[in-house]
Amino acid sequence: MLKALNLSHKFDYTLFDELNLSIAPATTTAITGVSGSGKSTILHILCTLLKPHKGEVLYNGKSIYNLSESELLRIRRIEFGIIFQTHYLFKGFNAYENIELANVLSKQKLDLNLLKQLKIDHVLKHKIGELSGGQQQRVSIARVMSKRPKIIFADEPTGNLDKDTANEVMSVIFDYVKTQNAALVLVTHDENLASNCDKIYKLSEKKLHQIG
């Protein structure tokens, strides 16, 4: 489904070098490592938001950075779902409108059961500013999952959630991956969360090491 081949990236220094990674359908993959090691940068490269200095990313056999901008936009809107650390919700809209906007772009119907699973079905008419940080995070997760992506890219998706809610939310995401034949690429500091994934990698000393 998704392959990273010999990825290298640098700023004033080399962040990582010659990384290889393969993501298959119906699998969950965690990338761990200390702050500043480059975990989020890898995620941004894989989901088409950042072009690597060297190497390539293949999606269904095609090099994504050789695709046209319109095709990249279509993939981001429909086939990839990205959960950022920052919510990026539209504050002038209510929760329902934020979620429905993604559905309009991907031409999917709103999944009311998903909203119940994420425990936000009772706040859909609330403006974003009226929601707690945890509720906003769950709205952003619902916005991504509601469009039924083939791959979910998640950067610390439970950072604003308490332990119990985080476990509930991740259970919903893991279940989606298995039942929809999708994939999850998860960046996290949480070793317990990472341990639930099919594969675990640690980014250290500029290399990606499989540890689970």
C-alpha atoms as a PDB file:
ATOM      1  CA  MET A   1       0.000   0.000   0.000  1.00  0.00           C
ATOM      2  CA  LEU A   2       2.621   2.551   1.128  1.00  0.00           C
ATOM      3  CA  LYS A   3       6.396   2.223   0.952  1.00  0.00           C
ATOM      4  CA  ALA A   4       9.185   4.603   1.931  1.00  0.00           C
ATOM      5  CA  LEU A   5      12.426   3.930   0.115  1.00  0.00           C
ATOM      6  CA  ASN A   6      15.782   5.318   1.265  1.00  0.00           C
ATOM      7  CA  LEU A   7      14.304   8.465   2.817  1.00  0.00           C
ATOM      8  CA  SER A   8      16.744  11.138   3.960  1.00  0.00           C
ATOM      9  CA  HIS A   9      15.947  14.586   5.292  1.00  0.00           C
ATOM     10  CA  LYS A  10      17.931  17.430   6.812  1.00  0.00           C
ATOM     11  CA  PHE A  11      17.679  20.999   8.012  1.00  0.00           C
ATOM     12  CA  ASP A  12      20.965  22.485   9.220  1.00  0.00           C
ATOM     13  CA  TYR A  13      21.848  18.915  10.135  1.00  0.00           C
ATOM     14  CA  THR A  14      20.828  15.452   8.938  1.00  0.00           C
ATOM     15  CA  LEU A  15      17.607  14.475  10.701  1.00  0.00           C
ATOM     16  CA  PHE A  16      17.501  10.910   9.406  1.00  0.00           C
ATOM     17  CA  ASP A  17      19.131   8.968   6.615  1.00  0.00           C
ATOM     18  CA  GLU A  18      18.290   6.011   4.351  1.00  0.00           C
ATOM     19  CA  LEU A  19      15.011   5.064   6.045  1.00  0.00           C
ATOM     20  CA  ASN A  20      12.841   2.260   4.662  1.00  0.00           C
ATOM     21  CA  LEU A  21       9.300   1.479   5.771  1.00  0.00           C
ATOM     22  CA  SER A  22       6.424  -0.581   4.404  1.00  0.00           C
ATOM     23  CA  ILE A  23       2.763  -0.098   5.384  1.00  0.00           C
ATOM     24  CA  ALA A  24       0.258  -2.834   4.508  1.00  0.00           C
ATOM     25  CA  PRO A  25      -3.571  -2.772   4.583  1.00  0.00           C
ATOM     26  CA  ALA A  26      -5.297  -3.728   7.852  1.00  0.00           C
ATOM     27  CA  THR A  27      -2.149  -3.018   9.885  1.00  0.00           C
ATOM     28  CA  THR A  28      -1.136  -0.511  12.553  1.00  0.00           C
ATOM     29  CA  THR A  29       2.388   0.892  12.765  1.00  0.00           C
ATOM     30  CA  ALA A  30       3.848   3.018  15.559  1.00  0.00           C
ATOM     31  CA  ILE A  31       6.883   5.293  15.254  1.00  0.00           C
ATOM     32  CA  THR A  32       8.455   6.278  18.574  1.00  0.00           C
ATOM     33  CA  GLY A  33      11.506   8.266  19.604  1.00  0.00           C
ATOM     34  CA  VAL A  34      12.639  11.241  21.644  1.00  0.00           C
ATOM     35  CA  SER A  35      11.402  14.764  20.913  1.00  0.00           C
ATOM     36  CA  GLY A  36      13.219  16.316  17.967  1.00  0.00           C
ATOM     37  CA  SER A  37      14.315  13.005  16.489  1.00  0.00           C
ATOM     38  CA  GLY A  38      12.207  13.516  13.358  1.00  0.00           C
ATOM     39  CA  LYS A  39       9.102  11.392  13.959  1.00  0.00           C
ATOM     40  CA  SER A  40       6.645  14.073  12.827  1.00  0.00           C
ATOM     41  CA  THR A  41       8.828  14.871   9.822  1.00  0.00           C
ATOM     42  CA  ILE A  42       8.609  11.248   8.694  1.00  0.00           C
ATOM     43  CA  LEU A  43       4.825  11.398   9.059  1.00  0.00           C
ATOM     44  CA  HIS A  44       4.628  14.614   7.011  1.00  0.00           C
ATOM     45  CA  ILE A  45       6.726  13.056   4.251  1.00  0.00           C
ATOM     46  CA  LEU A  46       4.605   9.897   4.152  1.00  0.00           C
ATOM     47  CA  CYS A  47       1.331  11.839   3.923  1.00  0.00           C
ATOM     48  CA  THR A  48       2.559  14.123   1.087  1.00  0.00           C
ATOM     49  CA  LEU A  49       2.946  17.329   3.118  1.00  0.00           C
ATOM     50  CA  LEU A  50       6.752  17.465   2.898  1.00  0.00           C
ATOM     51  CA  LYS A  51       9.058  16.333   0.131  1.00  0.00           C
ATOM     52  CA  PRO A  52      12.166  14.476   1.336  1.00  0.00           C
ATOM     53  CA  HIS A  53      15.623  15.577   0.332  1.00  0.00           C
ATOM     54  CA  LYS A  54      16.330  12.065  -0.924  1.00  0.00           C
ATOM     55  CA  GLY A  55      14.352   8.894  -1.492  1.00  0.00           C
ATOM     56  CA  GLU A  56      10.775   8.340  -2.525  1.00  0.00           C
ATOM     57  CA  VAL A  57       7.384   7.291  -1.213  1.00  0.00           C
ATOM     58  CA  LEU A  58       5.292   4.825  -3.205  1.00  0.00           C
ATOM     59  CA  TYR A  59       1.527   4.655  -2.799  1.00  0.00           C
ATOM     60  CA  ASN A  60      -0.077   1.726  -4.601  1.00  0.00           C
ATOM     61  CA  GLY A  61       3.075   1.436  -6.682  1.00  0.00           C
ATOM     62  CA  LYS A  62       3.235   5.096  -7.760  1.00  0.00           C
ATOM     63  CA  SER A  63       5.817   7.616  -6.580  1.00  0.00           C
ATOM     64  CA  ILE A  64       3.622  10.217  -4.845  1.00  0.00           C
ATOM     65  CA  TYR A  65       6.014  13.116  -5.342  1.00  0.00           C
ATOM     66  CA  ASN A  66       5.898  12.598  -9.096  1.00  0.00           C
ATOM     67  CA  LEU A  67       2.117  13.028  -9.126  1.00  0.00           C
ATOM     68  CA  SER A  68       0.417  16.268 -10.129  1.00  0.00           C
ATOM     69  CA  GLU A  69      -0.689  18.692  -7.424  1.00  0.00           C
ATOM     70  CA  SER A  70      -4.324  17.987  -8.260  1.00  0.00           C
ATOM     71  CA  GLU A  71      -3.793  14.244  -7.771  1.00  0.00           C
ATOM     72  CA  LEU A  72      -1.972  14.848  -4.491  1.00  0.00           C
ATOM     73  CA  LEU A  73      -4.885  17.008  -3.345  1.00  0.00           C
ATOM     74  CA  ARG A  74      -7.354  14.270  -4.256  1.00  0.00           C
ATOM     75  CA  ILE A  75      -5.369  11.702  -2.260  1.00  0.00           C
ATOM     76  CA  ARG A  76      -5.215  14.006   0.789  1.00  0.00           C
ATOM     77  CA  ARG A  77      -8.937  14.736   0.605  1.00  0.00           C
ATOM     78  CA  ILE A  78     -10.176  11.214   0.035  1.00  0.00           C
ATOM     79  CA  GLU A  79      -7.645   8.460   0.660  1.00  0.00           C
ATOM     80  CA  PHE A  80      -5.405   9.889   3.403  1.00  0.00           C
ATOM     81  CA  GLY A  81      -6.617  11.050   6.800  1.00  0.00           C
ATOM     82  CA  ILE A  82      -4.277  13.179   8.912  1.00  0.00           C
ATOM     83  CA  ILE A  83      -4.726  13.737  12.656  1.00  0.00           C
ATOM     84  CA  PHE A  84      -2.423  16.539  13.793  1.00  0.00           C
ATOM     85  CA  GLN A  85      -1.356  17.496  17.316  1.00  0.00           C
ATOM     86  CA  THR A  86      -3.092  20.825  16.629  1.00  0.00           C
ATOM     87  CA  HIS A  87      -6.801  20.481  15.836  1.00  0.00           C
ATOM     88  CA  TYR A  88      -7.035  22.902  12.874  1.00  0.00           C
ATOM     89  CA  LEU A  89     -10.796  23.174  13.349  1.00  0.00           C
ATOM     90  CA  PHE A  90     -12.827  26.090  11.975  1.00  0.00           C
ATOM     91  CA  LYS A  91     -13.758  28.097  15.073  1.00  0.00           C
ATOM     92  CA  GLY A  92     -16.634  29.873  13.330  1.00  0.00           C
ATOM     93  CA  PHE A  93     -18.328  26.531  12.650  1.00  0.00           C
ATOM     94  CA  ASN A  94     -19.949  24.150  15.077  1.00  0.00           C
ATOM     95  CA  ALA A  95     -18.719  20.577  15.573  1.00  0.00           C
ATOM     96  CA  TYR A  96     -21.152  19.107  13.042  1.00  0.00           C
ATOM     97  CA  GLU A  97     -20.159  21.603  10.331  1.00  0.00           C
ATOM     98  CA  ASN A  98     -16.458  20.874  10.854  1.00  0.00           C
ATOM     99  CA  ILE A  99     -17.035  17.164  10.377  1.00  0.00           C
ATOM    100  CA  GLU A 100     -19.488  17.529   7.516  1.00  0.00           C
ATOM    101  CA  LEU A 101     -17.085  19.734   5.539  1.00  0.00           C
ATOM    102  CA  ALA A 102     -14.681  16.795   5.203  1.00  0.00           C
ATOM    103  CA  ASN A 103     -17.577  14.566   4.126  1.00  0.00           C
ATOM    104  CA  VAL A 104     -18.588  16.999   1.402  1.00  0.00           C
ATOM    105  CA  LEU A 105     -15.042  16.999  -0.007  1.00  0.00           C
ATOM    106  CA  SER A 106     -14.762  13.206   0.120  1.00  0.00           C
ATOM    107  CA  LYS A 107     -18.415  12.619  -0.863  1.00  0.00           C
ATOM    108  CA  GLN A 108     -19.119  10.398   2.137  1.00  0.00           C
ATOM    109  CA  LYS A 109     -22.187  10.302   4.383  1.00  0.00           C
ATOM    110  CA  LEU A 110     -21.906  11.257   8.042  1.00  0.00           C
ATOM    111  CA  ASP A 111     -21.490   8.177  10.258  1.00  0.00           C
ATOM    112  CA  LEU A 112     -23.658   8.853  13.311  1.00  0.00           C
ATOM    113  CA  ASN A 113     -22.473   5.658  15.000  1.00  0.00           C
ATOM    114  CA  LEU A 114     -18.889   6.928  14.816  1.00  0.00           C
ATOM    115  CA  LEU A 115     -19.902  10.135  16.584  1.00  0.00           C
ATOM    116  CA  LYS A 116     -21.520   8.083  19.342  1.00  0.00           C
ATOM    117  CA  GLN A 117     -18.430   5.920  19.683  1.00  0.00           C
ATOM    118  CA  LEU A 118     -16.295   9.044  20.083  1.00  0.00           C
ATOM    119  CA  LYS A 119     -18.865  10.479  22.530  1.00  0.00           C
ATOM    120  CA  ILE A 120     -19.401  13.757  20.692  1.00  0.00           C
ATOM    121  CA  ASP A 121     -22.914  13.153  19.342  1.00  0.00           C
ATOM    122  CA  HIS A 122     -24.322  15.450  22.079  1.00  0.00           C
ATOM    123  CA  VAL A 123     -22.084  18.448  21.216  1.00  0.00           C
ATOM    124  CA  LEU A 124     -22.577  18.635  17.447  1.00  0.00           C
ATOM    125  CA  LYS A 125     -24.360  22.019  17.584  1.00  0.00           C
ATOM    126  CA  HIS A 126     -21.721  23.580  19.845  1.00  0.00           C
ATOM    127  CA  LYS A 127     -19.232  26.047  18.371  1.00  0.00           C
ATOM    128  CA  ILE A 128     -15.634  24.891  18.596  1.00  0.00           C
ATOM    129  CA  GLY A 129     -14.792  27.533  21.215  1.00  0.00           C
ATOM    130  CA  GLU A 130     -17.451  26.085  23.506  1.00  0.00           C
ATOM    131  CA  LEU A 131     -15.797  22.653  23.559  1.00  0.00           C
ATOM    132  CA  SER A 132     -13.068  21.394  25.864  1.00  0.00           C
ATOM    133  CA  GLY A 133      -9.667  20.525  24.421  1.00  0.00           C
ATOM    134  CA  GLY A 134     -10.497  16.837  24.611  1.00  0.00           C
ATOM    135  CA  GLN A 135     -13.804  17.328  22.802  1.00  0.00           C
ATOM    136  CA  GLN A 136     -12.090  19.348  20.090  1.00  0.00           C
ATOM    137  CA  GLN A 137      -9.570  16.550  19.616  1.00  0.00           C
ATOM    138  CA  ARG A 138     -12.360  14.000  19.250  1.00  0.00           C
ATOM    139  CA  VAL A 139     -14.105  16.246  16.696  1.00  0.00           C
ATOM    140  CA  SER A 140     -10.874  16.436  14.688  1.00  0.00           C
ATOM    141  CA  ILE A 141     -10.538  12.637  14.844  1.00  0.00           C
ATOM    142  CA  ALA A 142     -14.169  12.211  13.769  1.00  0.00           C
ATOM    143  CA  ARG A 143     -13.579  14.606  10.872  1.00  0.00           C
ATOM    144  CA  VAL A 144     -10.736  12.398   9.636  1.00  0.00           C
ATOM    145  CA  MET A 145     -12.411   9.035  10.170  1.00  0.00           C
ATOM    146  CA  SER A 146     -15.782  10.100   8.807  1.00  0.00           C
ATOM    147  CA  LYS A 147     -14.380  10.395   5.293  1.00  0.00           C
ATOM    148  CA  ARG A 148     -13.251   6.731   5.497  1.00  0.00           C
ATOM    149  CA  PRO A 149      -9.594   7.097   4.502  1.00  0.00           C
ATOM    150  CA  LYS A 150      -7.420   4.244   3.318  1.00  0.00           C
ATOM    151  CA  ILE A 151      -4.564   5.363   5.599  1.00  0.00           C
ATOM    152  CA  ILE A 152      -4.782   7.330   8.852  1.00  0.00           C
ATOM    153  CA  PHE A 153      -1.677   9.290   9.809  1.00  0.00           C
ATOM    154  CA  ALA A 154      -1.815  10.287  13.478  1.00  0.00           C
ATOM    155  CA  ASP A 155       0.632  12.569  15.318  1.00  0.00           C
ATOM    156  CA  GLU A 156       0.103  12.135  19.087  1.00  0.00           C
ATOM    157  CA  PRO A 157      -3.680  11.778  18.536  1.00  0.00           C
ATOM    158  CA  THR A 158      -4.524  11.308  22.230  1.00  0.00           C
ATOM    159  CA  GLY A 159      -2.297  14.041  23.653  1.00  0.00           C
ATOM    160  CA  ASN A 160      -5.261  16.112  24.899  1.00  0.00           C
ATOM    161  CA  LEU A 161      -7.258  13.180  26.248  1.00  0.00           C
ATOM    162  CA  ASP A 162      -7.340  11.530  29.658  1.00  0.00           C
ATOM    163  CA  LYS A 163      -6.198   7.910  29.850  1.00  0.00           C
ATOM    164  CA  ASP A 164      -9.646   6.289  29.737  1.00  0.00           C
ATOM    165  CA  THR A 165     -10.889   8.469  26.873  1.00  0.00           C
ATOM    166  CA  ALA A 166      -7.615   7.943  24.989  1.00  0.00           C
ATOM    167  CA  ASN A 167      -8.062   4.169  25.243  1.00  0.00           C
ATOM    168  CA  GLU A 168     -11.646   4.426  23.995  1.00  0.00           C
ATOM    169  CA  VAL A 169     -10.681   6.639  21.045  1.00  0.00           C
ATOM    170  CA  MET A 170      -7.772   4.437  20.006  1.00  0.00           C
ATOM    171  CA  SER A 171     -10.007   1.370  20.247  1.00  0.00           C
ATOM    172  CA  VAL A 172     -12.327   3.009  17.700  1.00  0.00           C
ATOM    173  CA  ILE A 173      -9.385   3.783  15.393  1.00  0.00           C
ATOM    174  CA  PHE A 174      -7.877   0.290  15.687  1.00  0.00           C
ATOM    175  CA  ASP A 175     -11.258  -1.288  14.991  1.00  0.00           C
ATOM    176  CA  TYR A 176     -11.715   0.906  11.910  1.00  0.00           C
ATOM    177  CA  VAL A 177      -8.329  -0.162  10.534  1.00  0.00           C
ATOM    178  CA  LYS A 178      -9.130  -3.862  10.844  1.00  0.00           C
ATOM    179  CA  THR A 179     -12.732  -3.770   9.615  1.00  0.00           C
ATOM    180  CA  GLN A 180     -12.146  -1.355   6.729  1.00  0.00           C
ATOM    181  CA  ASN A 181      -8.880  -2.895   5.530  1.00  0.00           C
ATOM    182  CA  ALA A 182      -7.223   0.458   6.131  1.00  0.00           C
ATOM    183  CA  ALA A 183      -3.873   1.278   7.767  1.00  0.00           C
ATOM    184  CA  LEU A 184      -2.655   3.421  10.650  1.00  0.00           C
ATOM    185  CA  VAL A 185       0.705   5.168  10.961  1.00  0.00           C
ATOM    186  CA  LEU A 186       1.000   6.470  14.504  1.00  0.00           C
ATOM    187  CA  VAL A 187       3.625   8.815  15.954  1.00  0.00           C
ATOM    188  CA  THR A 188       3.632   8.717  19.744  1.00  0.00           C
ATOM    189  CA  HIS A 189       5.690   9.088  22.914  1.00  0.00           C
ATOM    190  CA  ASP A 190       3.291   6.727  24.687  1.00  0.00           C
ATOM    191  CA  GLU A 191       4.933   3.299  24.871  1.00  0.00           C
ATOM    192  CA  ASN A 192       1.728   1.666  26.105  1.00  0.00           C
ATOM    193  CA  LEU A 193      -0.179   3.024  23.115  1.00  0.00           C
ATOM    194  CA  ALA A 194       2.573   1.960  20.725  1.00  0.00           C
ATOM    195  CA  SER A 195       2.534  -1.559  22.185  1.00  0.00           C
ATOM    196  CA  ASN A 196      -0.975  -2.065  20.776  1.00  0.00           C
ATOM    197  CA  CYS A 197       0.276  -1.667  17.204  1.00  0.00           C
ATOM    198  CA  ASP A 198       1.217  -4.530  14.895  1.00  0.00           C
ATOM    199  CA  LYS A 199       4.670  -3.048  14.286  1.00  0.00           C
ATOM    200  CA  ILE A 200       6.720  -0.679  16.424  1.00  0.00           C
ATOM    201  CA  TYR A 201       9.688   1.355  15.209  1.00  0.00           C
ATOM    202  CA  LYS A 202      12.025   3.616  17.152  1.00  0.00           C
ATOM    203  CA  LEU A 203      13.776   6.523  15.446  1.00  0.00           C
ATOM    204  CA  SER A 204      17.229   6.963  16.969  1.00  0.00           C
ATOM    205  CA  GLU A 205      20.694   7.867  15.735  1.00  0.00           C
ATOM    206  CA  LYS A 206      19.144   8.941  12.397  1.00  0.00           C
ATOM    207  CA  LYS A 207      17.857   5.424  11.703  1.00  0.00           C
ATOM    208  CA  LEU A 208      14.536   3.622  12.059  1.00  0.00           C
ATOM    209  CA  HIS A 209      14.819   0.447  14.153  1.00  0.00           C
ATOM    210  CA  GLN A 210      12.031  -2.117  14.412  1.00  0.00           C
ATOM    211  CA  ILE A 211      11.549  -3.009  18.084  1.00  0.00           C
ATOM    212  CA  GLY A 212       8.245  -4.829  17.956  1.00  0.00           C
END
